[in-house]
Amino acid sequence: MKKIKVIAIVLTLVLALGSLVACTPDTVLENTEKDYYVTGQFAGWGDAVGKDQFRMTAVSLKDARVAALKAQLKGAKYLYILEHVVITDSGAGWTAQYVENGAVKDCDGNQTMKWLQVAKGQEAPDWWAQSPESGPVTSLTPDLLWIPGFTETPAVGPDWNGNPVVLKAGTYTVVFAMVEKDTGLEKVAGLIAE
């Protein structure tokens, strides 16, 4: 009798765990009408469009490469990554501003990054994110990726057209997603150190 109870408990646990795993769909979350690119000084800005080394790849929430951000990506409608993006902190010949603890600071231009949405088969971006045209983008990893506030007239630092800044040189998997929230579809971006 005890063996039957133990077996029943084990089977119940296995079924419960199986249903939890099944809650996360294995569907690749691709926007079939658009391509997404990572760009910045390292990619030649607008020259990134059409180049496979800067085109992001659609993945599912079960993809191991986004595991570190999985909880923050819950509700993703579209989910894209680009691996092996190398960010350096010198040599651009110009600086970009960001805000840290309420103070404006400068970083090397090689630490800047944006995302482009492009209609499939086209060359001109629909928008550069973040910008007034893209709408706001929220950083999933603010300790690594600073994104200006979405305002035309900020009290401190760059406006909504300012460049997002990678705060530490390194090699990253870049994540860009559109997530369903109560307020609508929100754009998010983050970095995972490789």
N, C-alpha and C. Protein backbone atom coordinates (compact mmCIF):
# COMPACT_ATOMS: atom_id res chain seq x y z
N MET A 1 0.83 -1.19 0.00
CA MET A 1 0.00 0.00 0.00
C MET A 1 0.87 1.25 0.00
N LYS A 2 1.96 1.24 0.80
CA LYS A 2 2.86 2.39 0.87
C LYS A 2 3.52 2.62 -0.49
N LYS A 3 3.89 1.52 -1.18
CA LYS A 3 4.54 1.64 -2.48
C LYS A 3 3.61 2.32 -3.47
N ILE A 4 2.34 2.00 -3.42
CA ILE A 4 1.37 2.59 -4.34
C ILE A 4 1.25 4.09 -4.08
N LYS A 5 1.24 4.50 -2.82
CA LYS A 5 1.18 5.92 -2.49
C LYS A 5 2.42 6.66 -2.99
N VAL A 6 3.58 6.05 -2.79
CA VAL A 6 4.83 6.67 -3.24
C VAL A 6 4.82 6.81 -4.76
N ILE A 7 4.41 5.76 -5.45
CA ILE A 7 4.34 5.80 -6.91
C ILE A 7 3.35 6.87 -7.36
N ALA A 8 2.22 6.96 -6.69
CA ALA A 8 1.22 7.98 -7.04
C ALA A 8 1.77 9.39 -6.84
N ILE A 9 2.50 9.60 -5.76
CA ILE A 9 3.10 10.93 -5.49
C ILE A 9 4.14 11.26 -6.56
N VAL A 10 4.99 10.30 -6.89
CA VAL A 10 6.02 10.52 -7.91
C VAL A 10 5.38 10.83 -9.26
N LEU A 11 4.36 10.08 -9.64
CA LEU A 11 3.68 10.33 -10.92
C LEU A 11 3.02 11.71 -10.93
N THR A 12 2.43 12.10 -9.82
CA THR A 12 1.80 13.42 -9.72
C THR A 12 2.84 14.51 -9.90
N LEU A 13 3.99 14.35 -9.25
CA LEU A 13 5.07 15.34 -9.40
C LEU A 13 5.59 15.41 -10.83
N VAL A 14 5.77 14.27 -11.46
CA VAL A 14 6.25 14.23 -12.85
C VAL A 14 5.25 14.93 -13.77
N LEU A 15 3.97 14.66 -13.59
CA LEU A 15 2.95 15.31 -14.41
C LEU A 15 2.89 16.81 -14.16
N ALA A 16 3.04 17.23 -12.91
CA ALA A 16 3.03 18.66 -12.58
C ALA A 16 4.21 19.37 -13.22
N LEU A 17 5.40 18.77 -13.12
CA LEU A 17 6.58 19.37 -13.73
C LEU A 17 6.45 19.42 -15.25
N GLY A 18 5.89 18.37 -15.83
CA GLY A 18 5.67 18.35 -17.28
C GLY A 18 4.74 19.44 -17.73
N SER A 19 3.71 19.70 -16.95
CA SER A 19 2.77 20.76 -17.34
C SER A 19 3.39 22.13 -17.18
N LEU A 20 4.28 22.32 -16.19
CA LEU A 20 4.98 23.60 -16.03
C LEU A 20 5.91 23.86 -17.21
N VAL A 21 6.62 22.84 -17.63
CA VAL A 21 7.51 22.98 -18.79
C VAL A 21 6.70 23.30 -20.03
N ALA A 22 5.54 22.70 -20.16
CA ALA A 22 4.69 22.92 -21.32
C ALA A 22 4.10 24.32 -21.36
N CYS A 23 4.11 25.04 -20.23
CA CYS A 23 3.56 26.39 -20.20
C CYS A 23 4.35 27.36 -21.06
N THR A 24 5.63 27.13 -21.23
CA THR A 24 6.45 28.00 -22.06
C THR A 24 6.46 27.44 -23.47
N PRO A 25 5.88 28.17 -24.43
CA PRO A 25 5.82 27.63 -25.79
C PRO A 25 7.21 27.57 -26.42
N ASP A 26 7.39 26.59 -27.30
CA ASP A 26 8.66 26.43 -28.01
C ASP A 26 8.58 27.09 -29.38
N THR A 27 7.63 27.98 -29.56
CA THR A 27 7.42 28.66 -30.82
C THR A 27 8.45 29.76 -31.01
N VAL A 28 9.05 29.81 -32.20
CA VAL A 28 9.96 30.91 -32.53
C VAL A 28 9.10 32.16 -32.68
N LEU A 29 9.47 33.22 -31.95
CA LEU A 29 8.65 34.43 -31.88
C LEU A 29 9.12 35.46 -32.92
N GLU A 30 8.78 35.18 -34.16
CA GLU A 30 9.25 35.98 -35.29
C GLU A 30 8.15 36.90 -35.82
N ASN A 31 8.53 38.11 -36.15
CA ASN A 31 7.66 39.02 -36.89
C ASN A 31 7.93 38.74 -38.36
N THR A 32 7.02 38.05 -39.03
CA THR A 32 7.27 37.57 -40.39
C THR A 32 7.30 38.70 -41.42
N GLU A 33 6.93 39.90 -41.03
CA GLU A 33 6.92 41.03 -41.98
C GLU A 33 8.13 41.95 -41.80
N LYS A 34 8.95 41.71 -40.77
CA LYS A 34 10.05 42.63 -40.46
C LYS A 34 11.34 41.87 -40.18
N ASP A 35 12.45 42.59 -40.40
CA ASP A 35 13.77 42.15 -39.95
C ASP A 35 14.23 43.13 -38.89
N TYR A 36 15.11 42.66 -38.00
CA TYR A 36 15.65 43.51 -36.94
C TYR A 36 17.18 43.40 -36.97
N TYR A 37 17.82 44.56 -36.80
CA TYR A 37 19.28 44.65 -36.82
C TYR A 37 19.77 45.34 -35.57
N VAL A 38 20.98 44.95 -35.14
CA VAL A 38 21.70 45.67 -34.09
C VAL A 38 22.71 46.54 -34.82
N THR A 39 22.80 47.80 -34.41
CA THR A 39 23.77 48.68 -35.04
C THR A 39 24.40 49.61 -34.02
N GLY A 40 25.34 50.37 -34.49
CA GLY A 40 26.09 51.30 -33.66
C GLY A 40 27.38 51.62 -34.39
N GLN A 41 28.30 52.24 -33.71
CA GLN A 41 29.60 52.55 -34.32
C GLN A 41 30.27 51.28 -34.84
N PHE A 42 30.15 50.18 -34.09
CA PHE A 42 30.78 48.91 -34.45
C PHE A 42 30.22 48.32 -35.75
N ALA A 43 29.01 48.74 -36.15
CA ALA A 43 28.35 48.17 -37.33
C ALA A 43 28.21 49.17 -38.47
N GLY A 44 28.78 50.34 -38.31
CA GLY A 44 28.66 51.34 -39.38
C GLY A 44 27.29 51.97 -39.45
N TRP A 45 26.55 51.96 -38.34
CA TRP A 45 25.23 52.57 -38.25
C TRP A 45 24.29 52.05 -39.33
N GLY A 46 23.85 52.89 -40.26
CA GLY A 46 22.88 52.47 -41.29
C GLY A 46 23.41 51.42 -42.23
N ASP A 47 24.74 51.26 -42.29
CA ASP A 47 25.34 50.24 -43.15
C ASP A 47 25.06 48.82 -42.66
N ALA A 48 24.54 48.68 -41.45
CA ALA A 48 24.24 47.35 -40.91
C ALA A 48 23.11 46.67 -41.67
N VAL A 49 22.18 47.45 -42.21
CA VAL A 49 21.01 46.88 -42.88
C VAL A 49 21.44 46.04 -44.08
N GLY A 50 20.91 44.83 -44.15
CA GLY A 50 21.22 43.91 -45.23
C GLY A 50 22.42 43.02 -44.97
N LYS A 51 23.14 43.26 -43.89
CA LYS A 51 24.31 42.44 -43.57
C LYS A 51 23.94 41.39 -42.52
N ASP A 52 24.17 40.14 -42.88
CA ASP A 52 23.78 39.04 -42.00
C ASP A 52 24.44 39.09 -40.63
N GLN A 53 25.67 39.62 -40.54
CA GLN A 53 26.36 39.64 -39.25
C GLN A 53 25.71 40.59 -38.24
N PHE A 54 24.80 41.46 -38.70
CA PHE A 54 24.11 42.37 -37.80
C PHE A 54 22.61 42.12 -37.74
N ARG A 55 22.11 41.16 -38.53
CA ARG A 55 20.68 40.80 -38.52
C ARG A 55 20.40 39.90 -37.32
N MET A 56 19.39 40.25 -36.57
CA MET A 56 19.02 39.46 -35.40
C MET A 56 18.22 38.23 -35.82
N THR A 57 18.30 37.19 -34.99
CA THR A 57 17.63 35.92 -35.24
C THR A 57 16.47 35.76 -34.27
N ALA A 58 15.30 35.40 -34.79
CA ALA A 58 14.14 35.14 -33.94
C ALA A 58 14.35 33.83 -33.20
N VAL A 59 13.98 33.82 -31.92
CA VAL A 59 14.11 32.62 -31.08
C VAL A 59 12.85 32.43 -30.25
N SER A 60 12.76 31.29 -29.59
CA SER A 60 11.64 31.03 -28.68
C SER A 60 12.05 31.39 -27.25
N LEU A 61 11.07 31.46 -26.38
CA LEU A 61 11.35 31.71 -24.97
C LEU A 61 12.12 30.56 -24.32
N LYS A 62 12.08 29.39 -24.95
CA LYS A 62 12.80 28.23 -24.41
C LYS A 62 14.26 28.19 -24.85
N ASP A 63 14.67 29.12 -25.70
CA ASP A 63 16.04 29.13 -26.18
C ASP A 63 16.99 29.38 -25.01
N ALA A 64 17.99 28.54 -24.86
CA ALA A 64 18.93 28.63 -23.74
C ALA A 64 19.68 29.96 -23.74
N ARG A 65 19.84 30.58 -24.89
CA ARG A 65 20.60 31.82 -24.98
C ARG A 65 19.89 33.00 -24.33
N VAL A 66 18.59 32.89 -24.06
CA VAL A 66 17.85 33.97 -23.39
C VAL A 66 17.41 33.56 -21.98
N ALA A 67 17.91 32.44 -21.50
CA ALA A 67 17.49 31.92 -20.20
C ALA A 67 17.68 32.93 -19.07
N ALA A 68 18.74 33.71 -19.12
CA ALA A 68 19.02 34.68 -18.05
C ALA A 68 17.97 35.78 -17.97
N LEU A 69 17.24 36.02 -19.05
CA LEU A 69 16.22 37.08 -19.08
C LEU A 69 14.80 36.54 -19.24
N LYS A 70 14.66 35.23 -19.14
CA LYS A 70 13.38 34.58 -19.44
C LYS A 70 12.21 35.16 -18.64
N ALA A 71 12.40 35.40 -17.35
CA ALA A 71 11.30 35.92 -16.53
C ALA A 71 10.86 37.30 -17.02
N GLN A 72 11.82 38.13 -17.44
CA GLN A 72 11.50 39.48 -17.92
C GLN A 72 10.88 39.48 -19.30
N LEU A 73 11.03 38.37 -20.02
CA LEU A 73 10.52 38.27 -21.38
C LEU A 73 9.14 37.60 -21.45
N LYS A 74 8.57 37.30 -20.30
CA LYS A 74 7.25 36.66 -20.27
C LYS A 74 6.26 37.53 -21.04
N GLY A 75 5.51 36.93 -21.92
CA GLY A 75 4.54 37.66 -22.73
C GLY A 75 5.12 38.18 -24.03
N ALA A 76 6.35 37.76 -24.38
CA ALA A 76 6.97 38.24 -25.62
C ALA A 76 6.15 37.80 -26.83
N LYS A 77 5.91 38.76 -27.71
CA LYS A 77 5.26 38.47 -28.99
C LYS A 77 6.33 38.23 -30.05
N TYR A 78 7.39 39.05 -30.02
CA TYR A 78 8.54 38.90 -30.90
C TYR A 78 9.79 38.88 -30.03
N LEU A 79 10.74 38.00 -30.37
CA LEU A 79 11.96 37.87 -29.56
C LEU A 79 13.13 37.58 -30.49
N TYR A 80 14.14 38.46 -30.42
CA TYR A 80 15.29 38.37 -31.32
C TYR A 80 16.59 38.47 -30.53
N ILE A 81 17.63 37.80 -31.07
CA ILE A 81 18.96 37.90 -30.47
C ILE A 81 20.01 38.06 -31.57
N LEU A 82 21.15 38.61 -31.18
CA LEU A 82 22.35 38.58 -32.01
C LEU A 82 23.50 38.26 -31.08
N GLU A 83 24.20 37.18 -31.37
CA GLU A 83 25.32 36.74 -30.54
C GLU A 83 26.63 37.38 -30.98
N HIS A 84 27.59 37.34 -30.07
CA HIS A 84 28.98 37.71 -30.35
C HIS A 84 29.16 39.16 -30.79
N VAL A 85 28.41 40.07 -30.20
CA VAL A 85 28.58 41.49 -30.48
C VAL A 85 29.69 42.01 -29.57
N VAL A 86 30.77 42.49 -30.18
CA VAL A 86 31.94 42.96 -29.43
C VAL A 86 31.86 44.48 -29.29
N ILE A 87 31.87 44.93 -28.05
CA ILE A 87 31.81 46.36 -27.74
C ILE A 87 33.14 46.76 -27.09
N THR A 88 33.80 47.75 -27.67
CA THR A 88 35.04 48.26 -27.11
C THR A 88 34.78 49.63 -26.49
N ASP A 89 35.69 50.09 -25.64
CA ASP A 89 35.49 51.36 -24.96
C ASP A 89 36.54 52.40 -25.34
N SER A 90 37.12 52.25 -26.55
CA SER A 90 38.08 53.25 -27.03
C SER A 90 38.17 53.20 -28.55
N GLY A 91 38.65 54.32 -29.12
CA GLY A 91 38.99 54.33 -30.53
C GLY A 91 37.98 54.91 -31.49
N ALA A 92 36.80 55.33 -31.03
CA ALA A 92 35.80 55.85 -31.96
C ALA A 92 36.17 57.25 -32.46
N GLY A 93 36.84 58.02 -31.62
CA GLY A 93 37.17 59.39 -31.99
C GLY A 93 36.08 60.39 -31.65
N TRP A 94 35.05 59.94 -30.98
CA TRP A 94 33.97 60.81 -30.51
C TRP A 94 33.37 60.20 -29.26
N THR A 95 32.62 61.01 -28.52
CA THR A 95 32.02 60.52 -27.27
C THR A 95 30.50 60.61 -27.33
N ALA A 96 29.88 59.81 -26.50
CA ALA A 96 28.43 59.83 -26.33
C ALA A 96 28.13 60.05 -24.85
N GLN A 97 26.99 60.66 -24.59
CA GLN A 97 26.61 60.94 -23.21
C GLN A 97 25.63 59.91 -22.69
N TYR A 98 25.72 59.68 -21.37
CA TYR A 98 24.74 58.88 -20.66
C TYR A 98 24.61 59.47 -19.26
N VAL A 99 23.65 58.99 -18.49
CA VAL A 99 23.42 59.52 -17.15
C VAL A 99 23.63 58.41 -16.13
N GLU A 100 24.43 58.75 -15.09
CA GLU A 100 24.67 57.81 -14.00
C GLU A 100 24.50 58.55 -12.68
N ASN A 101 23.59 58.07 -11.84
CA ASN A 101 23.31 58.71 -10.54
C ASN A 101 23.02 60.20 -10.69
N GLY A 102 22.26 60.55 -11.73
CA GLY A 102 21.84 61.93 -11.94
C GLY A 102 22.87 62.83 -12.58
N ALA A 103 24.06 62.30 -12.89
CA ALA A 103 25.12 63.10 -13.51
C ALA A 103 25.37 62.63 -14.94
N VAL A 104 25.61 63.60 -15.83
CA VAL A 104 25.91 63.28 -17.23
C VAL A 104 27.38 62.87 -17.32
N LYS A 105 27.63 61.75 -17.99
CA LYS A 105 28.99 61.25 -18.18
C LYS A 105 29.20 60.98 -19.66
N ASP A 106 30.47 60.88 -20.04
CA ASP A 106 30.84 60.58 -21.42
C ASP A 106 31.40 59.18 -21.52
N CYS A 107 31.13 58.55 -22.67
CA CYS A 107 31.74 57.26 -22.98
C CYS A 107 32.23 57.31 -24.42
N ASP A 108 33.02 56.36 -24.80
CA ASP A 108 33.51 56.28 -26.17
C ASP A 108 32.36 55.95 -27.12
N GLY A 109 32.39 56.51 -28.31
CA GLY A 109 31.35 56.27 -29.31
C GLY A 109 31.19 54.82 -29.69
N ASN A 110 32.23 53.99 -29.47
CA ASN A 110 32.11 52.56 -29.77
C ASN A 110 31.18 51.84 -28.81
N GLN A 111 30.78 52.51 -27.73
CA GLN A 111 29.88 51.90 -26.75
C GLN A 111 28.40 52.17 -27.05
N THR A 112 28.10 52.78 -28.17
CA THR A 112 26.71 53.09 -28.51
C THR A 112 26.07 51.95 -29.27
N MET A 113 24.73 51.88 -29.20
CA MET A 113 24.00 50.79 -29.83
C MET A 113 22.57 51.24 -30.11
N LYS A 114 22.03 50.81 -31.24
CA LYS A 114 20.61 51.00 -31.53
C LYS A 114 20.09 49.76 -32.24
N TRP A 115 18.77 49.69 -32.38
CA TRP A 115 18.11 48.59 -33.07
C TRP A 115 17.31 49.17 -34.20
N LEU A 116 17.28 48.45 -35.32
CA LEU A 116 16.56 48.90 -36.50
C LEU A 116 15.47 47.90 -36.85
N GLN A 117 14.29 48.43 -37.18
CA GLN A 117 13.23 47.58 -37.74
C GLN A 117 13.13 47.93 -39.21
N VAL A 118 13.19 46.89 -40.05
CA VAL A 118 13.18 47.06 -41.50
C VAL A 118 12.16 46.11 -42.10
N ALA A 119 11.32 46.59 -43.02
CA ALA A 119 10.38 45.70 -43.70
C ALA A 119 11.17 44.66 -44.49
N LYS A 120 10.70 43.41 -44.50
CA LYS A 120 11.39 42.33 -45.23
C LYS A 120 11.66 42.77 -46.67
N GLY A 121 12.90 42.56 -47.09
CA GLY A 121 13.27 42.86 -48.46
C GLY A 121 13.54 44.33 -48.74
N GLN A 122 13.47 45.17 -47.72
CA GLN A 122 13.69 46.61 -47.90
C GLN A 122 15.03 47.02 -47.31
N GLU A 123 15.46 48.23 -47.63
CA GLU A 123 16.72 48.75 -47.12
C GLU A 123 16.54 49.89 -46.13
N ALA A 124 15.47 50.66 -46.29
CA ALA A 124 15.25 51.81 -45.41
C ALA A 124 14.56 51.35 -44.13
N PRO A 125 15.13 51.67 -42.96
CA PRO A 125 14.50 51.27 -41.69
C PRO A 125 13.15 51.96 -41.49
N ASP A 126 12.21 51.22 -40.88
CA ASP A 126 10.94 51.82 -40.42
C ASP A 126 11.25 52.79 -39.30
N TRP A 127 12.19 52.36 -38.42
CA TRP A 127 12.62 53.19 -37.30
C TRP A 127 13.94 52.70 -36.75
N TRP A 128 14.60 53.65 -36.05
CA TRP A 128 15.79 53.37 -35.25
C TRP A 128 15.31 53.43 -33.80
N ALA A 129 15.66 52.44 -33.00
CA ALA A 129 15.22 52.46 -31.61
C ALA A 129 16.41 52.76 -30.71
N GLN A 130 16.25 53.60 -29.82
CA GLN A 130 15.06 54.35 -29.50
C GLN A 130 15.05 55.68 -30.24
N SER A 131 13.85 56.11 -30.62
CA SER A 131 13.62 57.40 -31.27
C SER A 131 12.14 57.73 -31.12
N PRO A 132 11.73 58.95 -31.46
CA PRO A 132 10.30 59.26 -31.40
C PRO A 132 9.47 58.32 -32.28
N GLU A 133 10.06 57.85 -33.39
CA GLU A 133 9.33 56.97 -34.32
C GLU A 133 9.17 55.56 -33.77
N SER A 134 10.14 55.09 -33.03
CA SER A 134 10.09 53.71 -32.51
C SER A 134 9.20 53.59 -31.27
N GLY A 135 9.09 54.69 -30.53
CA GLY A 135 8.47 54.62 -29.22
C GLY A 135 9.52 54.20 -28.20
N PRO A 136 9.15 54.17 -26.92
CA PRO A 136 10.13 53.88 -25.87
C PRO A 136 10.64 52.45 -25.90
N VAL A 137 11.89 52.31 -25.49
CA VAL A 137 12.52 51.00 -25.30
C VAL A 137 13.01 50.96 -23.86
N THR A 138 12.72 49.88 -23.17
CA THR A 138 13.13 49.72 -21.77
C THR A 138 14.31 48.76 -21.70
N SER A 139 15.31 49.11 -20.91
CA SER A 139 16.47 48.24 -20.72
C SER A 139 16.14 47.12 -19.74
N LEU A 140 16.38 45.90 -20.17
CA LEU A 140 16.22 44.73 -19.30
C LEU A 140 17.42 44.55 -18.39
N THR A 141 18.55 45.18 -18.76
CA THR A 141 19.80 45.02 -18.03
C THR A 141 20.42 46.41 -17.80
N PRO A 142 19.83 47.23 -16.94
CA PRO A 142 20.32 48.60 -16.76
C PRO A 142 21.74 48.71 -16.22
N ASP A 143 22.26 47.63 -15.63
CA ASP A 143 23.65 47.65 -15.18
C ASP A 143 24.63 47.52 -16.35
N LEU A 144 24.13 47.09 -17.50
CA LEU A 144 24.96 46.94 -18.70
C LEU A 144 24.52 47.85 -19.85
N LEU A 145 23.24 48.18 -19.92
CA LEU A 145 22.70 48.93 -21.05
C LEU A 145 21.88 50.11 -20.57
N TRP A 146 22.37 51.33 -20.85
CA TRP A 146 21.65 52.54 -20.49
C TRP A 146 20.89 53.04 -21.72
N ILE A 147 19.60 53.33 -21.54
CA ILE A 147 18.77 53.86 -22.61
C ILE A 147 18.18 55.18 -22.12
N PRO A 148 18.28 56.26 -22.93
CA PRO A 148 17.74 57.55 -22.49
C PRO A 148 16.25 57.45 -22.18
N GLY A 149 15.79 58.35 -21.31
CA GLY A 149 14.36 58.43 -21.05
C GLY A 149 13.63 58.86 -22.31
N PHE A 150 12.38 58.46 -22.43
CA PHE A 150 11.62 58.76 -23.65
C PHE A 150 10.95 60.12 -23.53
N THR A 151 11.77 61.16 -23.71
CA THR A 151 11.25 62.53 -23.65
C THR A 151 12.07 63.43 -24.57
N GLU A 152 11.41 64.43 -25.10
CA GLU A 152 12.08 65.38 -25.99
C GLU A 152 12.92 66.39 -25.21
N THR A 153 12.52 66.66 -23.99
CA THR A 153 13.21 67.68 -23.18
C THR A 153 13.55 67.12 -21.79
N PRO A 154 14.58 66.28 -21.70
CA PRO A 154 14.94 65.72 -20.40
C PRO A 154 15.55 66.78 -19.49
N ALA A 155 15.40 66.59 -18.20
CA ALA A 155 16.03 67.49 -17.23
C ALA A 155 17.54 67.32 -17.25
N VAL A 156 18.00 66.10 -17.48
CA VAL A 156 19.43 65.79 -17.49
C VAL A 156 19.70 64.79 -18.61
N GLY A 157 20.76 65.03 -19.38
CA GLY A 157 21.22 64.05 -20.35
C GLY A 157 20.50 64.07 -21.67
N PRO A 158 20.83 63.08 -22.51
CA PRO A 158 20.30 63.01 -23.88
C PRO A 158 18.78 62.81 -23.92
N ASP A 159 18.19 63.26 -25.04
CA ASP A 159 16.75 63.10 -25.23
C ASP A 159 16.45 61.74 -25.87
N TRP A 160 15.22 61.57 -26.29
CA TRP A 160 14.77 60.28 -26.82
C TRP A 160 15.49 59.84 -28.09
N ASN A 161 16.20 60.74 -28.76
CA ASN A 161 17.04 60.37 -29.90
C ASN A 161 18.46 60.02 -29.49
N GLY A 162 18.79 60.18 -28.21
CA GLY A 162 20.14 59.87 -27.74
C GLY A 162 20.46 58.40 -27.91
N ASN A 163 21.73 58.11 -28.05
CA ASN A 163 22.16 56.73 -28.25
C ASN A 163 22.12 55.93 -26.95
N PRO A 164 21.54 54.75 -26.97
CA PRO A 164 21.74 53.83 -25.86
C PRO A 164 23.24 53.52 -25.73
N VAL A 165 23.68 53.28 -24.50
CA VAL A 165 25.10 53.10 -24.22
C VAL A 165 25.33 51.76 -23.51
N VAL A 166 26.29 51.00 -24.03
CA VAL A 166 26.75 49.78 -23.37
C VAL A 166 27.78 50.22 -22.34
N LEU A 167 27.50 49.99 -21.07
CA LEU A 167 28.29 50.56 -19.98
C LEU A 167 29.64 49.88 -19.75
N LYS A 168 29.79 48.65 -20.21
CA LYS A 168 31.05 47.92 -20.01
C LYS A 168 31.46 47.27 -21.31
N ALA A 169 32.73 47.44 -21.68
CA ALA A 169 33.25 46.76 -22.87
C ALA A 169 33.14 45.25 -22.66
N GLY A 170 32.90 44.53 -23.73
CA GLY A 170 32.80 43.08 -23.63
C GLY A 170 32.15 42.49 -24.86
N THR A 171 31.92 41.19 -24.80
CA THR A 171 31.24 40.47 -25.87
C THR A 171 29.88 40.04 -25.35
N TYR A 172 28.83 40.34 -26.12
CA TYR A 172 27.46 40.17 -25.63
C TYR A 172 26.57 39.45 -26.63
N THR A 173 25.54 38.80 -26.08
CA THR A 173 24.36 38.43 -26.85
C THR A 173 23.37 39.56 -26.62
N VAL A 174 22.96 40.20 -27.71
CA VAL A 174 22.02 41.32 -27.64
C VAL A 174 20.61 40.76 -27.81
N VAL A 175 19.71 41.18 -26.94
CA VAL A 175 18.32 40.72 -26.96
C VAL A 175 17.42 41.91 -27.24
N PHE A 176 16.48 41.74 -28.17
CA PHE A 176 15.48 42.76 -28.45
C PHE A 176 14.13 42.05 -28.56
N ALA A 177 13.12 42.59 -27.90
CA ALA A 177 11.81 41.92 -27.90
C ALA A 177 10.68 42.93 -27.85
N MET A 178 9.52 42.48 -28.26
CA MET A 178 8.28 43.22 -28.06
C MET A 178 7.39 42.34 -27.20
N VAL A 179 7.03 42.88 -26.05
CA VAL A 179 6.36 42.11 -25.02
C VAL A 179 4.95 42.65 -24.79
N GLU A 180 3.98 41.73 -24.74
CA GLU A 180 2.58 42.11 -24.48
C GLU A 180 2.44 42.45 -23.00
N LYS A 181 2.02 43.68 -22.71
CA LYS A 181 1.76 44.13 -21.34
C LYS A 181 0.33 44.64 -21.27
N ASP A 182 -0.14 44.94 -20.07
CA ASP A 182 -1.49 45.49 -19.91
C ASP A 182 -1.65 46.80 -20.67
N THR A 183 -0.54 47.53 -20.81
CA THR A 183 -0.58 48.84 -21.48
C THR A 183 -0.37 48.72 -22.99
N GLY A 184 -0.17 47.52 -23.51
CA GLY A 184 0.05 47.32 -24.94
C GLY A 184 1.39 46.66 -25.20
N LEU A 185 1.85 46.73 -26.43
CA LEU A 185 3.10 46.11 -26.85
C LEU A 185 4.26 47.02 -26.48
N GLU A 186 5.19 46.52 -25.65
CA GLU A 186 6.34 47.31 -25.20
C GLU A 186 7.63 46.73 -25.77
N LYS A 187 8.52 47.63 -26.19
CA LYS A 187 9.83 47.24 -26.69
C LYS A 187 10.82 47.17 -25.54
N VAL A 188 11.61 46.11 -25.51
CA VAL A 188 12.62 45.92 -24.47
C VAL A 188 13.91 45.45 -25.12
N ALA A 189 15.03 45.76 -24.49
CA ALA A 189 16.33 45.31 -24.98
C ALA A 189 17.24 45.01 -23.80
N GLY A 190 18.17 44.12 -24.01
CA GLY A 190 19.11 43.78 -22.94
C GLY A 190 20.34 43.12 -23.49
N LEU A 191 21.32 42.96 -22.63
CA LEU A 191 22.60 42.35 -22.98
C LEU A 191 22.87 41.19 -22.04
N ILE A 192 23.39 40.10 -22.60
CA ILE A 192 23.83 38.97 -21.81
C ILE A 192 25.31 38.78 -22.12
N ALA A 193 26.15 38.90 -21.09
CA ALA A 193 27.59 38.76 -21.28
C ALA A 193 27.92 37.33 -21.71
N GLU A 194 28.80 37.20 -22.68
CA GLU A 194 29.21 35.86 -23.15
C GLU A 194 30.50 35.46 -22.48
